[in-house]
Amino acid sequence: MNFLDHLEELRWRIIKIIITIFGGGLVVFWFIDIILKIMLYPISQV
């Protein structure tokens, strides 16, 4: 692989990482109420 091939690979990996982070953020945003209830349940039992 020459240098430009490495840059192309890096570019695609960065794009995949950004898409994954954005998708994960959407999932968390969609289920934030359920996630908070699960996380705060032990505190409410004290």
PDB file of N, CA and C in Angstrom:
ATOM      1  N   MET A   1       0.848  -1.191   0.000  1.00  0.00           N
ATOM      2  CA  MET A   1       0.000   0.000   0.000  1.00  0.00           C
ATOM      3  C   MET A   1       0.888   1.247   0.000  1.00  0.00           C
ATOM      4  N   ASN A   2       0.536   2.167  -0.850  1.00  0.00           N
ATOM      5  CA  ASN A   2       1.280   3.417  -0.820  1.00  0.00           C
ATOM      6  C   ASN A   2       0.616   4.382   0.162  1.00  0.00           C
ATOM      7  N   PHE A   3       1.182   5.551   0.275  1.00  0.00           N
ATOM      8  CA  PHE A   3       0.724   6.520   1.274  1.00  0.00           C
ATOM      9  C   PHE A   3      -0.730   6.930   1.048  1.00  0.00           C
ATOM     10  N   LEU A   4      -1.114   7.143  -0.198  1.00  0.00           N
ATOM     11  CA  LEU A   4      -2.492   7.564  -0.491  1.00  0.00           C
ATOM     12  C   LEU A   4      -3.507   6.471  -0.156  1.00  0.00           C
ATOM     13  N   ASP A   5      -3.116   5.216  -0.327  1.00  0.00           N
ATOM     14  CA  ASP A   5      -3.999   4.118   0.071  1.00  0.00           C
ATOM     15  C   ASP A   5      -4.210   4.114   1.582  1.00  0.00           C
ATOM     16  N   HIS A   6      -3.172   4.405   2.318  1.00  0.00           N
ATOM     17  CA  HIS A   6      -3.296   4.489   3.777  1.00  0.00           C
ATOM     18  C   HIS A   6      -4.223   5.634   4.175  1.00  0.00           C
ATOM     19  N   LEU A   7      -4.095   6.770   3.502  1.00  0.00           N
ATOM     20  CA  LEU A   7      -4.983   7.900   3.796  1.00  0.00           C
ATOM     21  C   LEU A   7      -6.436   7.570   3.463  1.00  0.00           C
ATOM     22  N   GLU A   8      -6.643   6.845   2.378  1.00  0.00           N
ATOM     23  CA  GLU A   8      -8.001   6.433   2.003  1.00  0.00           C
ATOM     24  C   GLU A   8      -8.590   5.503   3.068  1.00  0.00           C
ATOM     25  N   GLU A   9      -7.792   4.564   3.549  1.00  0.00           N
ATOM     26  CA  GLU A   9      -8.240   3.655   4.611  1.00  0.00           C
ATOM     27  C   GLU A   9      -8.561   4.434   5.883  1.00  0.00           C
ATOM     28  N   LEU A  10      -7.714   5.385   6.237  1.00  0.00           N
ATOM     29  CA  LEU A  10      -7.952   6.217   7.412  1.00  0.00           C
ATOM     30  C   LEU A  10      -9.244   7.012   7.261  1.00  0.00           C
ATOM     31  N   ARG A  11      -9.468   7.553   6.074  1.00  0.00           N
ATOM     32  CA  ARG A  11     -10.680   8.336   5.821  1.00  0.00           C
ATOM     33  C   ARG A  11     -11.929   7.488   6.032  1.00  0.00           C
ATOM     34  N   TRP A  12     -11.943   6.260   5.486  1.00  0.00           N
ATOM     35  CA  TRP A  12     -13.115   5.402   5.646  1.00  0.00           C
ATOM     36  C   TRP A  12     -13.315   4.976   7.096  1.00  0.00           C
ATOM     37  N   ARG A  13     -12.233   4.737   7.806  1.00  0.00           N
ATOM     38  CA  ARG A  13     -12.375   4.368   9.220  1.00  0.00           C
ATOM     39  C   ARG A  13     -12.923   5.520  10.045  1.00  0.00           C
ATOM     40  N   ILE A  14     -12.473   6.742   9.758  1.00  0.00           N
ATOM     41  CA  ILE A  14     -12.994   7.908  10.473  1.00  0.00           C
ATOM     42  C   ILE A  14     -14.472   8.096  10.169  1.00  0.00           C
ATOM     43  N   ILE A  15     -14.871   7.911   8.909  1.00  0.00           N
ATOM     44  CA  ILE A  15     -16.286   8.023   8.535  1.00  0.00           C
ATOM     45  C   ILE A  15     -17.113   6.979   9.280  1.00  0.00           C
ATOM     46  N   LYS A  16     -16.625   5.742   9.344  1.00  0.00           N
ATOM     47  CA  LYS A  16     -17.349   4.682  10.057  1.00  0.00           C
ATOM     48  C   LYS A  16     -17.469   4.997  11.547  1.00  0.00           C
ATOM     49  N   ILE A  17     -16.410   5.539  12.141  1.00  0.00           N
ATOM     50  CA  ILE A  17     -16.442   5.896  13.558  1.00  0.00           C
ATOM     51  C   ILE A  17     -17.469   6.989  13.809  1.00  0.00           C
ATOM     52  N   ILE A  18     -17.505   8.007  12.945  1.00  0.00           N
ATOM     53  CA  ILE A  18     -18.464   9.101  13.109  1.00  0.00           C
ATOM     54  C   ILE A  18     -19.892   8.587  12.976  1.00  0.00           C
ATOM     55  N   ILE A  19     -20.141   7.719  12.001  1.00  0.00           N
ATOM     56  CA  ILE A  19     -21.483   7.150  11.828  1.00  0.00           C
ATOM     57  C   ILE A  19     -21.870   6.321  13.045  1.00  0.00           C
ATOM     58  N   THR A  20     -20.933   5.537  13.580  1.00  0.00           N
ATOM     59  CA  THR A  20     -21.215   4.708  14.748  1.00  0.00           C
ATOM     60  C   THR A  20     -21.520   5.558  15.974  1.00  0.00           C
ATOM     61  N   ILE A  21     -20.742   6.602  16.205  1.00  0.00           N
ATOM     62  CA  ILE A  21     -20.989   7.481  17.350  1.00  0.00           C
ATOM     63  C   ILE A  21     -22.331   8.182  17.199  1.00  0.00           C
ATOM     64  N   PHE A  22     -22.639   8.651  15.997  1.00  0.00           N
ATOM     65  CA  PHE A  22     -23.916   9.316  15.747  1.00  0.00           C
ATOM     66  C   PHE A  22     -25.082   8.349  15.962  1.00  0.00           C
ATOM     67  N   GLY A  23     -24.950   7.124  15.463  1.00  0.00           N
ATOM     68  CA  GLY A  23     -25.997   6.119  15.650  1.00  0.00           C
ATOM     69  C   GLY A  23     -26.187   5.761  17.113  1.00  0.00           C
ATOM     70  N   GLY A  24     -25.093   5.605  17.838  1.00  0.00           N
ATOM     71  CA  GLY A  24     -25.184   5.321  19.270  1.00  0.00           C
ATOM     72  C   GLY A  24     -25.830   6.463  20.023  1.00  0.00           C
ATOM     73  N   GLY A  25     -25.508   7.686  19.631  1.00  0.00           N
ATOM     74  CA  GLY A  25     -26.134   8.854  20.252  1.00  0.00           C
ATOM     75  C   GLY A  25     -27.632   8.887  20.016  1.00  0.00           C
ATOM     76  N   LEU A  26     -28.052   8.510  18.813  1.00  0.00           N
ATOM     77  CA  LEU A  26     -29.489   8.462  18.523  1.00  0.00           C
ATOM     78  C   LEU A  26     -30.197   7.406  19.369  1.00  0.00           C
ATOM     79  N   VAL A  27     -29.562   6.252  19.525  1.00  0.00           N
ATOM     80  CA  VAL A  27     -30.158   5.192  20.344  1.00  0.00           C
ATOM     81  C   VAL A  27     -30.284   5.650  21.788  1.00  0.00           C
ATOM     82  N   VAL A  28     -29.239   6.256  22.324  1.00  0.00           N
ATOM     83  CA  VAL A  28     -29.282   6.743  23.705  1.00  0.00           C
ATOM     84  C   VAL A  28     -30.333   7.839  23.845  1.00  0.00           C
ATOM     85  N   PHE A  29     -30.397   8.743  22.879  1.00  0.00           N
ATOM     86  CA  PHE A  29     -31.394   9.817  22.924  1.00  0.00           C
ATOM     87  C   PHE A  29     -32.807   9.243  22.901  1.00  0.00           C
ATOM     88  N   TRP A  30     -33.025   8.198  22.101  1.00  0.00           N
ATOM     89  CA  TRP A  30     -34.351   7.602  21.966  1.00  0.00           C
ATOM     90  C   TRP A  30     -34.774   6.887  23.256  1.00  0.00           C
ATOM     91  N   PHE A  31     -33.836   6.232  23.941  1.00  0.00           N
ATOM     92  CA  PHE A  31     -34.148   5.426  25.120  1.00  0.00           C
ATOM     93  C   PHE A  31     -33.654   6.059  26.420  1.00  0.00           C
ATOM     94  N   ILE A  32     -33.462   7.372  26.461  1.00  0.00           N
ATOM     95  CA  ILE A  32     -32.870   8.015  27.635  1.00  0.00           C
ATOM     96  C   ILE A  32     -33.725   7.818  28.886  1.00  0.00           C
ATOM     97  N   ASP A  33     -35.051   7.830  28.748  1.00  0.00           N
ATOM     98  CA  ASP A  33     -35.909   7.643  29.921  1.00  0.00           C
ATOM     99  C   ASP A  33     -35.713   6.260  30.538  1.00  0.00           C
ATOM    100  N   ILE A  34     -35.676   5.246  29.712  1.00  0.00           N
ATOM    101  CA  ILE A  34     -35.485   3.880  30.209  1.00  0.00           C
ATOM    102  C   ILE A  34     -34.095   3.732  30.829  1.00  0.00           C
ATOM    103  N   ILE A  35     -33.094   4.284  30.174  1.00  0.00           N
ATOM    104  CA  ILE A  35     -31.717   4.194  30.683  1.00  0.00           C
ATOM    105  C   ILE A  35     -31.606   4.874  32.041  1.00  0.00           C
ATOM    106  N   LEU A  36     -32.197   6.052  32.183  1.00  0.00           N
ATOM    107  CA  LEU A  36     -32.133   6.755  33.468  1.00  0.00           C
ATOM    108  C   LEU A  36     -32.890   6.008  34.559  1.00  0.00           C
ATOM    109  N   LYS A  37     -34.037   5.419  34.236  1.00  0.00           N
ATOM    110  CA  LYS A  37     -34.773   4.636  35.234  1.00  0.00           C
ATOM    111  C   LYS A  37     -33.942   3.457  35.721  1.00  0.00           C
ATOM    112  N   ILE A  38     -33.272   2.782  34.799  1.00  0.00           N
ATOM    113  CA  ILE A  38     -32.432   1.643  35.176  1.00  0.00           C
ATOM    114  C   ILE A  38     -31.260   2.098  36.040  1.00  0.00           C
ATOM    115  N   MET A  39     -30.644   3.212  35.675  1.00  0.00           N
ATOM    116  CA  MET A  39     -29.478   3.687  36.426  1.00  0.00           C
ATOM    117  C   MET A  39     -29.863   4.244  37.792  1.00  0.00           C
ATOM    118  N   LEU A  40     -31.028   4.858  37.907  1.00  0.00           N
ATOM    119  CA  LEU A  40     -31.431   5.482  39.164  1.00  0.00           C
ATOM    120  C   LEU A  40     -32.222   4.543  40.077  1.00  0.00           C
ATOM    121  N   TYR A  41     -32.562   3.357  39.610  1.00  0.00           N
ATOM    122  CA  TYR A  41     -33.337   2.416  40.414  1.00  0.00           C
ATOM    123  C   TYR A  41     -32.659   2.085  41.748  1.00  0.00           C
ATOM    124  N   PRO A  42     -31.347   1.774  41.788  1.00  0.00           N
ATOM    125  CA  PRO A  42     -30.728   1.465  43.089  1.00  0.00           C
ATOM    126  C   PRO A  42     -30.794   2.632  44.072  1.00  0.00           C
ATOM    127  N   ILE A  43     -30.720   3.859  43.586  1.00  0.00           N
ATOM    128  CA  ILE A  43     -30.781   5.017  44.480  1.00  0.00           C
ATOM    129  C   ILE A  43     -32.172   5.143  45.085  1.00  0.00           C
ATOM    130  N   SER A  44     -33.199   4.840  44.310  1.00  0.00           N
ATOM    131  CA  SER A  44     -34.564   4.977  44.821  1.00  0.00           C
ATOM    132  C   SER A  44     -34.904   3.894  45.848  1.00  0.00           C
ATOM    133  N   GLN A  45     -34.128   2.827  45.912  1.00  0.00           N
ATOM    134  CA  GLN A  45     -34.393   1.741  46.851  1.00  0.00           C
ATOM    135  C   GLN A  45     -33.774   1.990  48.222  1.00  0.00           C
ATOM    136  N   VAL A  46     -32.977   3.028  48.357  1.00  0.00           N
ATOM    137  CA  VAL A  46     -32.302   3.305  49.635  1.00  0.00           C
ATOM    138  C   VAL A  46     -33.231   4.041  50.558  1.00  0.00           C
TER     139      VAL A  46
END
